[in-house]
Amino acid sequence: MPRTSASPPTADSAAPAGPSADSALTHGLKQRHLSMIALGGVIGAGLFVGSGAGIAAAGPSIIIAYAISGLLVMMVMRMLGEMSAANPASGSFSVHAERAIGPWAGFTAGWSFWFLLCVAVGLEGIGAAQIVSGWLPGTPEWAWVALFMVIFLGTNLAAVKNFGEFEFWFAALKVIAITLFLVLGLLAIFGVLPDTDAPGLSNLTGDGGFLPKGMDGFIIGLLASVFAYGGLETVTIAAAESENPVQGVAKAVRTAMWRIAVFYIGSMAVIVTLVPWDDPKVAEVGPFYAMLDHLGVGSAAQIMNVVILIALLSAMNANIYGASRMARSLVARGQGPSVLGRISSGVPRNAVMFSSVFGFLCVLLSYWRPDDVFPWLLNMIGAVILVVWIFIAVSQLILRRRTEREAPQTLVVRMWFFPIGTIVALAAMVGIFLLMLRQPDTRDQLLATGGLTVVLIGLGLLRQRRRGAEGADDGTGTGAGSGAGTDTGAAAEIPAQRR
C-alpha cells in the first residue's frame, strides 16, 4: 500500500536513481505477516536437527548453553531493533553499519550476509530434497531442489504480499508443531500421558551428571547453540516493506525474549528431561524424533520429516527474500552492480533471480565438487553471523549517541543498560571467537570466514577510496565518508549513480 503521513519514511525507500529502478519497494506486508515471520523465524531446521549434536556434546547442560546464547541473541536483536525502529531499511544492519562506521562497513556486512543467505538456500534445498527423495525413491534430488527453487522464485518475483502469505502459513504450521511437541513433552514429564511415568530428575543428574563431558563438552554445545539462532534478522529486513515499519520492528523485538525462551530453551529442557542425553538417536536422527520415539508415538520419523520439510522450505523462501532485499539495498547505496537494483512492480526482480541462481549454483557444486569447493563454501559461512552481530553492536554503540542528540523521538526501542549492555555483548562475541579457535572444526570455519571478511573489507575500502577520489574530482564532496553522514532521521540510501 502507498505510504501515508502516518507511516514514517524508510532509510531505503528511495529507489536507485536513473535506470537502476522504475519504482520503489511497496509496503505490502501486513502486521499479521510480520508477526508470524518474527514468530516463525526462530523455529528453523537448526532447532529440529542441529540441536542434536549440541545435546550429544553437552548433555543436560545444553539447557544452560541455549540460555546463554539465547541471552546474547536477545541483546543483538534489541540493538538491531533500536536502530531499525529509528531508521527502517530493507538493508537493515548493512545500512546502520554504513551510517555509523562508513561505506566499507555497510559493504562488508551486507555482502557477507547475502553470501550466507544464498549458500543457506542451497543447503536447505538439499535437505528438503533428501526428505522428499526418501518418500519417492529413485527421484533425483537435484530435480526436487530445482522445483523448490522455481516455486519460491515465483513467490518472490510476485508482489511481496505473496511472500508474506507463504511465510505466514509456513510459520503457523511450525508454531503449531512446536507447541504440540512442548505440550506433549510437559504432559509426559508430569506423568499425565497414559503408559508413561514421570522421569523426575533422573536424566538430568544421572549418567555423568549435569556436565557429563565437562567444560569441553559444554563449550561444544554452546557453540552449536549460538549458530542455531539464525533467521531472526530477516524480520528487520521485512519490516521496511510492512504497513507500519516502526511498530512492526518494535513489536517483533519486544516479543523476542519469550519466543526464544519458549521455543529453544523450553524445547531443550523438555528433551533432556525425558530422553537420556546419550541416546544414539538424539544425534543420529534428531532430538525431537528421539523424544517422540521414546514416548511411543507412532510414525515419529515421518511426523518429524514433515515438520523439518516445512521448516526447510520456509527458510528457503525467507532467505531468497532476505538476500534479494539486501542486494537491492546495497546497490541503492552504490555498493554493487546497478542492474541488481532494478525494481519492477515494487519487487527487485533481478536481485531475486541473481540470489536464487547463486543458491542453485551452490547446490550443483555439492554434486560436482563435494570434496573440495563445497566444504570450502560451508566453512566460509560458518561464522558469518558472528561478524554481522559485531557490526550490529558497534553500529548501535555509535548511532545511539547520535540519535539521542539529533532525533531522540525515534528511539521507540532502547537497548537494555546502554552502553554497558552493548559492551558486554561485544565481549561475549569476542569470547565466542576465542572458543572457536580452541576447537579444530570451528577453527577451520573461523579462519575461512575471516578470509572472506578480509576480502570484503578490502573491496569495500577500495570502492570507498575510489568514490572519494571521484567525489573530490567533480567537486561534490561525496565519497569516503558519505555513508556515515546520512544520519538525518530516516535518511534515504545513497543512489547508485557512480561505479
Protein backbone atom coordinates (compact mmCIF):
# COMPACT_ATOMS: atom_id res chain seq x y z
CA MET A 1 0.00 0.00 0.00
CA PRO A 2 1.27 3.56 -0.56
CA ARG A 3 2.95 5.22 2.37
CA THR A 4 0.92 7.86 4.15
CA SER A 5 1.92 10.58 6.55
CA ALA A 6 1.28 8.19 9.43
CA SER A 7 3.90 5.81 8.10
CA PRO A 8 7.46 7.15 8.54
CA PRO A 9 9.81 7.02 5.59
CA THR A 10 12.33 4.23 5.47
CA ALA A 11 16.04 4.54 5.02
CA ASP A 12 15.93 2.89 1.63
CA SER A 13 12.50 3.89 0.44
CA ALA A 14 14.06 5.74 -2.46
CA ALA A 15 14.91 3.57 -5.41
CA PRO A 16 18.26 3.92 -7.10
CA ALA A 17 18.37 6.87 -9.40
CA GLY A 18 18.34 6.68 -13.15
CA PRO A 19 17.93 3.36 -14.91
CA SER A 20 18.53 1.28 -11.81
CA ALA A 21 14.86 1.12 -10.93
CA ASP A 22 11.49 2.21 -12.14
CA SER A 23 9.66 2.35 -8.83
CA ALA A 24 10.21 1.91 -5.09
CA LEU A 25 9.61 -1.11 -2.93
CA THR A 26 6.00 -1.45 -1.86
CA HIS A 27 4.57 -1.78 1.66
CA GLY A 28 2.58 -4.95 1.04
CA LEU A 29 3.31 -6.86 4.25
CA LYS A 30 0.56 -6.66 6.84
CA GLN A 31 1.16 -6.72 10.58
CA ARG A 32 -0.02 -10.34 10.77
CA HIS A 33 2.61 -11.28 8.17
CA LEU A 34 5.36 -9.54 10.11
CA SER A 35 4.27 -11.00 13.44
CA MET A 36 4.28 -14.54 12.07
CA ILE A 37 7.58 -14.04 10.23
CA ALA A 38 9.08 -12.94 13.55
CA LEU A 39 7.46 -15.84 15.39
CA GLY A 40 8.40 -18.49 12.84
CA GLY A 41 11.86 -17.07 12.23
CA VAL A 42 13.16 -18.63 15.43
CA ILE A 43 11.89 -22.11 14.54
CA GLY A 44 14.24 -23.50 11.91
CA ALA A 45 15.94 -26.70 10.87
CA GLY A 46 18.82 -25.76 13.19
CA LEU A 47 16.49 -26.30 16.14
CA PHE A 48 14.95 -29.55 14.88
CA VAL A 49 18.15 -31.19 13.62
CA GLY A 50 21.29 -29.26 14.59
CA SER A 51 20.48 -29.24 18.31
CA GLY A 52 21.12 -33.00 18.45
CA ALA A 53 24.90 -32.54 18.15
CA GLY A 54 24.81 -29.98 20.94
CA ILE A 55 22.92 -32.32 23.28
CA ALA A 56 25.29 -35.21 22.49
CA ALA A 57 28.26 -33.00 23.38
CA ALA A 58 26.96 -31.06 26.39
CA GLY A 59 24.38 -33.42 27.87
CA PRO A 60 21.77 -31.79 30.14
CA SER A 61 23.92 -28.65 30.39
CA ILE A 62 22.70 -27.84 26.87
CA ILE A 63 19.87 -26.02 28.67
CA ILE A 64 22.39 -23.55 30.13
CA ALA A 65 24.19 -23.31 26.78
CA TYR A 66 20.99 -22.32 24.99
CA ALA A 67 20.10 -19.90 27.78
CA ILE A 68 23.48 -18.12 27.49
CA SER A 69 23.46 -17.95 23.69
CA GLY A 70 19.78 -17.02 23.78
CA LEU A 71 20.52 -14.07 26.04
CA LEU A 72 23.21 -12.90 23.62
CA VAL A 73 20.80 -13.17 20.68
CA MET A 74 18.16 -11.20 22.63
CA MET A 75 20.70 -8.42 23.16
CA VAL A 76 21.67 -8.41 19.48
CA MET A 77 18.01 -8.24 18.44
CA ARG A 78 17.41 -5.43 20.92
CA MET A 79 20.29 -3.44 19.42
CA LEU A 80 19.12 -4.15 15.88
CA GLY A 81 15.56 -3.32 16.83
CA GLU A 82 16.60 0.03 18.28
CA MET A 83 18.34 1.05 15.05
CA SER A 84 15.70 -0.44 12.73
CA ALA A 85 12.80 1.24 14.53
CA ALA A 86 14.63 4.57 14.33
CA ASN A 87 15.53 4.04 10.63
CA PRO A 88 13.60 1.18 8.97
CA ALA A 89 15.51 -0.09 5.93
CA SER A 90 15.43 -3.23 3.82
CA GLY A 91 19.23 -3.20 4.13
CA SER A 92 18.83 -3.39 7.92
CA PHE A 93 22.18 -3.71 9.71
CA SER A 94 24.12 -3.01 6.48
CA VAL A 95 22.53 0.44 6.31
CA HIS A 96 23.18 1.04 10.01
CA ALA A 97 26.84 -0.03 9.66
CA GLU A 98 27.29 2.35 6.73
CA ARG A 99 25.78 5.26 8.64
CA ALA A 100 27.76 4.53 11.79
CA ILE A 101 31.15 3.34 10.55
CA GLY A 102 31.39 4.06 6.84
CA PRO A 103 30.58 2.64 3.39
CA TRP A 104 33.18 -0.15 3.71
CA ALA A 105 31.39 -1.49 6.79
CA GLY A 106 27.99 -1.48 5.08
CA PHE A 107 29.54 -3.22 2.09
CA THR A 108 31.18 -5.92 4.22
CA ALA A 109 28.21 -6.60 6.48
CA GLY A 110 25.73 -6.61 3.59
CA TRP A 111 27.56 -8.81 1.08
CA SER A 112 28.75 -11.29 3.71
CA PHE A 113 25.14 -11.73 4.88
CA TRP A 114 23.94 -12.02 1.28
CA PHE A 115 26.54 -14.75 0.71
CA LEU A 116 25.42 -16.55 3.88
CA LEU A 117 21.75 -16.48 2.83
CA CYS A 118 22.43 -17.72 -0.70
CA VAL A 119 24.57 -20.66 0.44
CA ALA A 120 21.94 -21.43 3.11
CA VAL A 121 19.25 -21.52 0.40
CA GLY A 122 21.24 -24.24 -1.34
CA LEU A 123 21.75 -26.22 1.88
CA GLU A 124 18.07 -26.01 2.76
CA GLY A 125 17.11 -27.10 -0.74
CA ILE A 126 19.39 -30.13 -0.47
CA GLY A 127 17.95 -31.07 2.92
CA ALA A 128 14.36 -30.75 1.68
CA ALA A 129 15.14 -32.77 -1.45
CA GLN A 130 16.65 -35.59 0.63
CA ILE A 131 13.43 -35.89 2.62
CA VAL A 132 11.20 -35.97 -0.47
CA SER A 133 13.55 -38.41 -2.28
CA GLY A 134 13.23 -40.68 0.75
CA TRP A 135 9.48 -40.71 0.26
CA LEU A 136 9.82 -41.21 -3.50
CA PRO A 137 12.91 -43.42 -4.04
CA GLY A 138 14.59 -43.13 -7.40
CA THR A 139 13.76 -39.47 -7.97
CA PRO A 140 16.84 -37.24 -8.37
CA GLU A 141 17.48 -34.85 -5.52
CA TRP A 142 18.68 -32.05 -7.80
CA ALA A 143 15.30 -32.10 -9.59
CA TRP A 144 13.46 -31.55 -6.31
CA VAL A 145 15.80 -28.69 -5.43
CA ALA A 146 15.12 -27.16 -8.84
CA LEU A 147 11.36 -27.49 -8.28
CA PHE A 148 11.55 -25.81 -4.88
CA MET A 149 13.69 -23.04 -6.36
CA VAL A 150 11.16 -22.42 -9.13
CA ILE A 151 8.28 -22.28 -6.65
CA PHE A 152 9.97 -19.80 -4.34
CA LEU A 153 11.39 -17.86 -7.21
CA GLY A 154 7.78 -17.39 -8.31
CA THR A 155 6.59 -16.28 -4.88
CA ASN A 156 9.43 -13.78 -4.55
CA LEU A 157 9.12 -12.42 -8.09
CA ALA A 158 5.47 -11.64 -7.48
CA ALA A 159 4.20 -8.99 -5.08
CA VAL A 160 5.76 -9.02 -1.62
CA LYS A 161 2.40 -9.92 -0.11
CA ASN A 162 2.74 -13.36 -1.76
CA PHE A 163 5.99 -13.94 0.10
CA GLY A 164 4.21 -12.76 3.25
CA GLU A 165 1.35 -15.23 2.78
CA PHE A 166 3.69 -18.17 2.20
CA GLU A 167 5.72 -17.31 5.28
CA PHE A 168 2.58 -16.71 7.34
CA TRP A 169 1.30 -20.24 6.76
CA PHE A 170 4.73 -21.87 6.94
CA ALA A 171 5.36 -20.15 10.26
CA ALA A 172 1.87 -21.02 11.54
CA LEU A 173 2.49 -24.72 10.85
CA LYS A 174 5.88 -24.59 12.60
CA VAL A 175 4.42 -22.82 15.62
CA ILE A 176 1.59 -25.35 15.87
CA ALA A 177 4.05 -28.27 15.58
CA ILE A 178 6.46 -26.98 18.23
CA THR A 179 3.59 -26.04 20.56
CA LEU A 180 2.07 -29.54 20.33
CA PHE A 181 5.52 -31.03 20.90
CA LEU A 182 6.06 -28.96 24.05
CA VAL A 183 2.59 -29.72 25.42
CA LEU A 184 3.10 -33.46 24.81
CA GLY A 185 6.50 -33.30 26.48
CA LEU A 186 5.22 -31.47 29.55
CA LEU A 187 2.37 -33.95 29.94
CA ALA A 188 4.92 -36.77 29.85
CA ILE A 189 7.20 -35.04 32.37
CA PHE A 190 4.33 -34.73 34.84
CA GLY A 191 3.23 -38.33 34.23
CA VAL A 192 -0.13 -37.36 32.76
CA LEU A 193 0.20 -39.31 29.50
CA PRO A 194 -1.12 -42.90 29.53
CA ASP A 195 1.54 -45.61 29.97
CA THR A 196 4.25 -43.09 30.86
CA ASP A 197 5.92 -42.46 34.19
CA ALA A 198 7.23 -39.09 35.29
CA PRO A 199 11.03 -39.23 34.80
CA GLY A 200 11.81 -36.80 37.58
CA LEU A 201 15.41 -35.59 37.52
CA SER A 202 16.98 -38.93 36.63
CA ASN A 203 18.02 -37.90 33.10
CA LEU A 204 19.33 -34.52 34.31
CA THR A 205 21.50 -35.74 37.19
CA GLY A 206 22.25 -39.38 36.33
CA ASP A 207 24.64 -40.92 33.79
CA GLY A 208 27.50 -38.48 34.25
CA GLY A 209 25.56 -35.69 35.89
CA PHE A 210 24.57 -32.30 34.52
CA LEU A 211 28.02 -31.80 32.89
CA PRO A 212 28.80 -35.35 31.71
CA LYS A 213 31.66 -34.29 29.39
CA GLY A 214 32.95 -31.41 31.48
CA MET A 215 33.55 -27.89 30.26
CA ASP A 216 34.91 -29.05 26.89
CA GLY A 217 31.58 -30.70 26.08
CA PHE A 218 29.69 -27.65 27.35
CA ILE A 219 31.74 -25.35 25.10
CA ILE A 220 30.94 -27.51 22.04
CA GLY A 221 27.26 -27.37 22.96
CA LEU A 222 27.45 -23.60 23.47
CA LEU A 223 29.00 -23.05 20.03
CA ALA A 224 26.36 -25.30 18.44
CA SER A 225 23.59 -23.35 20.16
CA VAL A 226 24.90 -19.95 19.02
CA PHE A 227 24.60 -20.85 15.35
CA ALA A 228 21.12 -22.37 15.76
CA TYR A 229 19.52 -18.94 16.15
CA GLY A 230 19.88 -17.84 12.51
CA GLY A 231 16.83 -16.29 10.88
CA LEU A 232 15.89 -13.65 13.42
CA GLU A 233 17.47 -10.83 11.39
CA THR A 234 15.03 -11.28 8.48
CA VAL A 235 12.18 -9.61 10.34
CA THR A 236 14.04 -6.25 10.38
CA ILE A 237 14.57 -6.56 6.62
CA ALA A 238 10.90 -7.40 6.02
CA ALA A 239 9.70 -4.61 8.32
CA ALA A 240 10.74 -1.97 5.76
CA GLU A 241 8.03 -3.33 3.41
CA SER A 242 5.31 -3.53 6.05
CA GLU A 243 2.40 -1.17 6.57
CA ASN A 244 3.95 0.27 9.73
CA PRO A 245 7.70 -0.44 9.86
CA VAL A 246 8.36 1.19 13.23
CA GLN A 247 5.50 -0.57 15.03
CA GLY A 248 6.34 -3.87 13.34
CA VAL A 249 10.00 -3.84 14.38
CA ALA A 250 9.20 -2.71 17.91
CA LYS A 251 6.65 -5.48 18.43
CA ALA A 252 8.89 -8.19 16.97
CA VAL A 253 11.86 -7.22 19.13
CA ARG A 254 9.85 -6.88 22.32
CA THR A 255 8.45 -10.39 21.95
CA ALA A 256 11.82 -11.95 21.04
CA MET A 257 12.60 -12.83 24.66
CA TRP A 258 9.63 -15.11 25.30
CA ARG A 259 9.89 -16.66 21.82
CA ILE A 260 13.50 -17.67 22.39
CA ALA A 261 12.79 -18.84 25.94
CA VAL A 262 9.80 -20.97 24.97
CA PHE A 263 10.89 -22.46 21.66
CA TYR A 264 14.61 -23.01 22.18
CA ILE A 265 15.36 -23.20 25.89
CA GLY A 266 11.98 -24.82 26.60
CA SER A 267 12.50 -27.46 23.92
CA MET A 268 15.96 -28.36 25.19
CA ALA A 269 14.70 -28.63 28.78
CA VAL A 270 11.83 -30.92 27.78
CA ILE A 271 14.02 -33.17 25.61
CA VAL A 272 16.88 -33.76 28.06
CA THR A 273 14.40 -34.29 30.91
CA LEU A 274 12.58 -37.05 29.02
CA VAL A 275 15.35 -38.67 26.93
CA PRO A 276 18.80 -39.79 28.11
CA TRP A 277 21.29 -37.38 26.58
CA ASP A 278 23.48 -40.26 25.33
CA ASP A 279 20.67 -41.97 23.43
CA PRO A 280 22.25 -42.54 19.96
CA LYS A 281 19.05 -41.40 18.26
CA VAL A 282 19.48 -37.87 19.63
CA ALA A 283 22.49 -37.19 17.43
CA GLU A 284 21.73 -39.61 14.57
CA VAL A 285 18.14 -38.73 13.71
CA GLY A 286 17.45 -35.65 15.83
CA PRO A 287 16.32 -34.95 19.40
CA PHE A 288 12.69 -34.29 18.53
CA TYR A 289 12.35 -37.64 16.79
CA ALA A 290 14.15 -39.29 19.73
CA MET A 291 11.62 -37.85 22.18
CA LEU A 292 8.57 -38.84 20.13
CA ASP A 293 10.00 -42.32 19.68
CA HIS A 294 10.75 -42.51 23.42
CA LEU A 295 7.09 -41.70 24.13
CA GLY A 296 5.93 -44.40 21.73
CA VAL A 297 4.37 -42.02 19.22
CA GLY A 298 3.67 -43.99 16.05
CA SER A 299 5.30 -42.82 12.82
CA ALA A 300 7.55 -40.45 14.79
CA ALA A 301 10.10 -40.34 11.97
CA GLN A 302 7.55 -39.35 9.34
CA ILE A 303 5.98 -36.73 11.61
CA MET A 304 9.37 -35.10 12.16
CA ASN A 305 10.25 -35.37 8.47
CA VAL A 306 7.11 -33.36 7.61
CA VAL A 307 7.90 -30.73 10.25
CA ILE A 308 11.55 -30.46 9.15
CA LEU A 309 10.50 -30.23 5.49
CA ILE A 310 8.19 -27.32 6.34
CA ALA A 311 11.00 -25.62 8.29
CA LEU A 312 13.45 -26.05 5.40
CA LEU A 313 11.03 -24.76 2.77
CA SER A 314 10.14 -21.80 4.97
CA ALA A 315 13.82 -20.97 5.40
CA MET A 316 14.40 -21.21 1.63
CA ASN A 317 11.58 -18.78 0.97
CA ALA A 318 12.70 -16.33 3.66
CA ASN A 319 16.37 -16.46 2.68
CA ILE A 320 15.68 -15.78 -1.01
CA TYR A 321 13.62 -12.79 0.11
CA GLY A 322 16.26 -11.56 2.55
CA ALA A 323 19.13 -11.99 0.06
CA SER A 324 17.30 -10.12 -2.70
CA ARG A 325 16.41 -7.18 -0.44
CA MET A 326 19.93 -6.96 0.94
CA ALA A 327 21.38 -6.98 -2.60
CA ARG A 328 18.93 -4.30 -3.72
CA SER A 329 19.74 -2.15 -0.70
CA LEU A 330 23.49 -2.43 -1.33
CA VAL A 331 23.03 -1.40 -4.96
CA ALA A 332 20.84 1.54 -3.90
CA ARG A 333 23.87 2.79 -1.95
CA GLY A 334 26.31 2.30 -4.82
CA GLN A 335 27.72 -0.91 -3.35
CA GLY A 336 27.08 -3.29 -6.26
CA PRO A 337 26.16 -3.66 -9.93
CA SER A 338 23.30 -1.31 -10.77
CA VAL A 339 21.40 -3.97 -12.73
CA LEU A 340 20.52 -5.70 -9.44
CA GLY A 341 18.76 -2.57 -8.20
CA ARG A 342 16.14 -2.55 -10.95
CA ILE A 343 12.66 -2.71 -9.43
CA SER A 344 9.51 -3.81 -11.26
CA SER A 345 6.05 -3.63 -9.69
CA GLY A 346 7.63 -2.98 -6.31
CA VAL A 347 9.90 -6.08 -6.47
CA PRO A 348 13.69 -6.18 -7.09
CA ARG A 349 13.30 -9.00 -9.59
CA ASN A 350 16.87 -9.02 -10.88
CA ALA A 351 18.15 -9.35 -7.32
CA VAL A 352 15.70 -12.19 -6.68
CA MET A 353 16.85 -14.00 -9.83
CA PHE A 354 20.54 -13.47 -9.10
CA SER A 355 20.25 -14.64 -5.49
CA SER A 356 18.27 -17.74 -6.49
CA VAL A 357 20.68 -18.69 -9.29
CA PHE A 358 23.65 -18.30 -6.93
CA GLY A 359 21.89 -20.52 -4.38
CA PHE A 360 21.22 -23.20 -7.01
CA LEU A 361 24.86 -22.98 -8.13
CA CYS A 362 25.84 -23.91 -4.58
CA VAL A 363 23.58 -26.97 -4.89
CA LEU A 364 25.27 -28.01 -8.13
CA LEU A 365 28.68 -27.61 -6.50
CA SER A 366 27.58 -30.06 -3.81
CA TYR A 367 27.29 -32.67 -6.60
CA TRP A 368 30.16 -31.52 -8.85
CA ARG A 369 32.79 -30.73 -6.20
CA PRO A 370 31.62 -32.37 -2.95
CA ASP A 371 35.12 -32.88 -1.56
CA ASP A 372 36.77 -29.51 -2.04
CA VAL A 373 34.78 -26.50 -3.28
CA PHE A 374 31.52 -27.23 -1.43
CA PRO A 375 33.12 -27.80 2.01
CA TRP A 376 35.11 -24.62 1.42
CA LEU A 377 31.85 -22.71 0.88
CA LEU A 378 30.36 -24.20 4.05
CA ASN A 379 33.40 -23.20 6.10
CA MET A 380 33.25 -19.63 4.76
CA ILE A 381 29.71 -19.12 6.08
CA GLY A 382 30.46 -20.84 9.40
CA ALA A 383 30.98 -17.68 11.46
CA VAL A 384 29.43 -15.00 9.21
CA ILE A 385 26.56 -14.43 11.60
CA LEU A 386 29.05 -13.51 14.35
CA VAL A 387 30.71 -10.99 12.03
CA VAL A 388 27.28 -9.47 11.35
CA TRP A 389 26.49 -9.33 15.07
CA ILE A 390 29.74 -7.44 15.74
CA PHE A 391 28.83 -4.86 13.07
CA ILE A 392 25.39 -4.53 14.69
CA ALA A 393 26.86 -3.96 18.17
CA VAL A 394 29.49 -1.44 17.04
CA SER A 395 26.91 0.42 14.93
CA GLN A 396 24.47 0.64 17.82
CA LEU A 397 27.20 1.88 20.14
CA ILE A 398 27.90 4.76 17.72
CA LEU A 399 24.37 5.54 16.49
CA ARG A 400 22.68 5.57 19.90
CA ARG A 401 24.53 8.71 20.99
CA ARG A 402 23.99 10.35 17.61
CA THR A 403 20.26 9.56 17.63
CA GLU A 404 19.82 10.81 21.20
CA ARG A 405 21.40 14.07 20.08
CA GLU A 406 19.61 14.55 16.74
CA ALA A 407 16.31 12.62 16.80
CA PRO A 408 15.55 11.24 20.30
CA GLN A 409 11.86 10.80 19.42
CA THR A 410 12.77 7.90 17.10
CA LEU A 411 14.14 5.77 19.95
CA VAL A 412 10.94 3.78 20.44
CA VAL A 413 13.04 0.68 21.24
CA ARG A 414 16.06 1.05 23.51
CA MET A 415 18.95 -1.30 24.20
CA TRP A 416 19.00 -2.53 27.79
CA PHE A 417 21.60 -0.99 30.14
CA PHE A 418 23.28 1.04 27.39
CA PRO A 419 26.22 1.29 26.94
CA ILE A 420 27.21 -1.49 29.38
CA GLY A 421 24.81 -3.98 27.77
CA THR A 422 26.27 -3.40 24.31
CA ILE A 423 29.85 -3.66 25.57
CA VAL A 424 29.09 -6.91 27.42
CA ALA A 425 27.51 -8.34 24.26
CA LEU A 426 30.61 -7.37 22.23
CA ALA A 427 32.86 -9.02 24.80
CA ALA A 428 30.74 -12.18 24.60
CA MET A 429 31.13 -12.25 20.80
CA VAL A 430 34.90 -11.94 21.13
CA GLY A 431 34.77 -14.75 23.68
CA ILE A 432 32.90 -16.97 21.21
CA PHE A 433 35.60 -16.30 18.60
CA LEU A 434 38.26 -17.40 21.10
CA LEU A 435 36.28 -20.55 21.93
CA MET A 436 36.02 -21.33 18.22
CA LEU A 437 39.81 -21.17 17.95
CA ARG A 438 40.05 -23.93 20.58
CA GLN A 439 38.06 -26.46 18.54
CA PRO A 440 39.54 -27.93 15.33
CA ASP A 441 36.25 -27.96 13.38
CA THR A 442 35.17 -24.46 14.34
CA ARG A 443 38.73 -23.17 13.93
CA ASP A 444 38.61 -24.03 10.23
CA GLN A 445 35.25 -22.25 9.92
CA LEU A 446 36.55 -19.18 11.73
CA LEU A 447 39.63 -18.93 9.52
CA ALA A 448 37.59 -19.36 6.32
CA THR A 449 35.04 -16.76 7.44
CA GLY A 450 37.91 -14.48 8.44
CA GLY A 451 39.36 -14.79 4.93
CA LEU A 452 36.01 -13.90 3.36
CA THR A 453 35.61 -10.92 5.70
CA VAL A 454 39.11 -9.60 4.98
CA VAL A 455 38.49 -9.81 1.22
CA LEU A 456 35.17 -7.95 1.55
CA ILE A 457 36.72 -5.28 3.79
CA GLY A 458 39.48 -4.78 1.22
CA LEU A 459 36.98 -4.45 -1.63
CA GLY A 460 34.83 -2.11 0.46
CA LEU A 461 37.75 0.16 1.32
CA LEU A 462 38.88 0.17 -2.31
CA ARG A 463 35.41 1.19 -3.52
CA GLN A 464 35.15 3.81 -0.78
CA ARG A 465 38.53 5.33 -1.69
CA ARG A 466 37.68 5.32 -5.40
CA ARG A 467 34.34 7.04 -4.82
CA GLY A 468 36.02 9.54 -2.52
CA ALA A 469 38.53 10.40 -5.25
CA GLU A 470 35.72 10.77 -7.81
CA GLY A 471 33.79 13.00 -5.44
CA ALA A 472 36.84 15.21 -4.91
CA ASP A 473 37.44 15.43 -8.68
CA ASP A 474 33.92 16.55 -9.55
CA GLY A 475 33.62 18.83 -6.52
CA THR A 476 30.59 17.09 -4.99
CA GLY A 477 32.39 16.14 -1.81
CA THR A 478 30.77 12.71 -1.72
CA GLY A 479 32.67 9.52 -1.18
CA ALA A 480 34.68 8.14 1.67
CA GLY A 481 32.57 9.46 4.47
CA SER A 482 29.27 9.85 2.71
CA GLY A 483 27.69 6.69 4.03
CA ALA A 484 28.30 7.65 7.62
CA GLY A 485 26.96 11.12 7.09
CA THR A 486 23.41 10.22 6.16
CA ASP A 487 22.14 10.18 9.72
CA THR A 488 19.23 12.55 9.35
CA GLY A 489 16.34 10.71 10.93
CA ALA A 490 15.10 8.26 8.31
CA ALA A 491 17.77 9.04 5.73
CA ALA A 492 17.43 7.94 2.12
CA GLU A 493 20.02 5.45 0.91
CA ILE A 494 22.76 6.76 -1.35
CA PRO A 495 21.69 6.43 -5.02
CA ALA A 496 23.86 4.21 -7.19
CA GLN A 497 24.96 6.96 -9.60
CA ARG A 498 28.68 6.11 -9.83
CA ARG A 499 30.66 2.93 -10.29
